[in-house]
Amino acid sequence: MRHLVLVLALLALTGTAAACGKKADLEPPPGQKSDFPRQYPR
């Protein structure tokens, strides 16, 4: 029983961690300019 709870907890944590991050295309849509790379003042 204890192992089942541990496995379920690990699966829940793995699922939430896998949902993080940028999944969209890195290129801007057609007709829009990119904001990157930005030039910061020194």
C-alpha atoms as a PDB file:
ATOM      1  CA  MET A   1       0.000   0.000   0.000  1.00  0.00           C
ATOM      2  CA  ARG A   2       2.798   2.400   0.860  1.00  0.00           C
ATOM      3  CA  HIS A   3       4.479   1.774  -2.502  1.00  0.00           C
ATOM      4  CA  LEU A   4       1.256   2.494  -4.358  1.00  0.00           C
ATOM      5  CA  VAL A   5       0.918   5.890  -2.678  1.00  0.00           C
ATOM      6  CA  LEU A   6       4.556   6.705  -3.479  1.00  0.00           C
ATOM      7  CA  VAL A   7       4.151   5.728  -7.132  1.00  0.00           C
ATOM      8  CA  LEU A   8       0.968   7.784  -7.471  1.00  0.00           C
ATOM      9  CA  ALA A   9       2.656  10.805  -5.872  1.00  0.00           C
ATOM     10  CA  LEU A  10       5.629  10.509  -8.245  1.00  0.00           C
ATOM     11  CA  LEU A  11       3.343  10.242 -11.270  1.00  0.00           C
ATOM     12  CA  ALA A  12       1.431  13.348 -10.175  1.00  0.00           C
ATOM     13  CA  LEU A  13       4.644  15.337  -9.728  1.00  0.00           C
ATOM     14  CA  THR A  14       6.022  14.147 -13.061  1.00  0.00           C
ATOM     15  CA  GLY A  15       2.852  15.195 -14.868  1.00  0.00           C
ATOM     16  CA  THR A  16       2.891  18.710 -13.440  1.00  0.00           C
ATOM     17  CA  ALA A  17       6.598  19.157 -14.183  1.00  0.00           C
ATOM     18  CA  ALA A  18       6.094  18.009 -17.773  1.00  0.00           C
ATOM     19  CA  ALA A  19       3.408  20.660 -18.275  1.00  0.00           C
ATOM     20  CA  CYS A  20       5.847  23.494 -17.523  1.00  0.00           C
ATOM     21  CA  GLY A  21       7.796  25.305 -20.189  1.00  0.00           C
ATOM     22  CA  LYS A  22       7.243  27.014 -23.501  1.00  0.00           C
ATOM     23  CA  LYS A  23       5.652  24.774 -26.077  1.00  0.00           C
ATOM     24  CA  ALA A  24       4.853  27.346 -28.756  1.00  0.00           C
ATOM     25  CA  ASP A  25       6.880  28.107 -31.867  1.00  0.00           C
ATOM     26  CA  LEU A  26       9.842  30.369 -31.130  1.00  0.00           C
ATOM     27  CA  GLU A  27       9.386  32.326 -34.342  1.00  0.00           C
ATOM     28  CA  PRO A  28       6.916  35.248 -34.315  1.00  0.00           C
ATOM     29  CA  PRO A  29       3.741  34.961 -36.393  1.00  0.00           C
ATOM     30  CA  PRO A  30       3.928  36.250 -39.990  1.00  0.00           C
ATOM     31  CA  GLY A  31       3.746  40.030 -40.173  1.00  0.00           C
ATOM     32  CA  GLN A  32       4.975  40.625 -36.618  1.00  0.00           C
ATOM     33  CA  LYS A  33       8.478  41.556 -35.581  1.00  0.00           C
ATOM     34  CA  SER A  34      10.344  39.811 -32.795  1.00  0.00           C
ATOM     35  CA  ASP A  35      11.156  41.557 -29.501  1.00  0.00           C
ATOM     36  CA  PHE A  36      14.287  39.453 -29.090  1.00  0.00           C
ATOM     37  CA  PRO A  37      17.194  39.742 -28.719  1.00  0.00           C
ATOM     38  CA  ARG A  38      16.783  42.871 -26.625  1.00  0.00           C
ATOM     39  CA  GLN A  39      19.516  45.404 -26.138  1.00  0.00           C
ATOM     40  CA  TYR A  40      19.812  46.514 -22.525  1.00  0.00           C
ATOM     41  CA  PRO A  41      21.511  49.791 -21.568  1.00  0.00           C
ATOM     42  CA  ARG A  42      24.881  49.497 -19.914  1.00  0.00           C
END
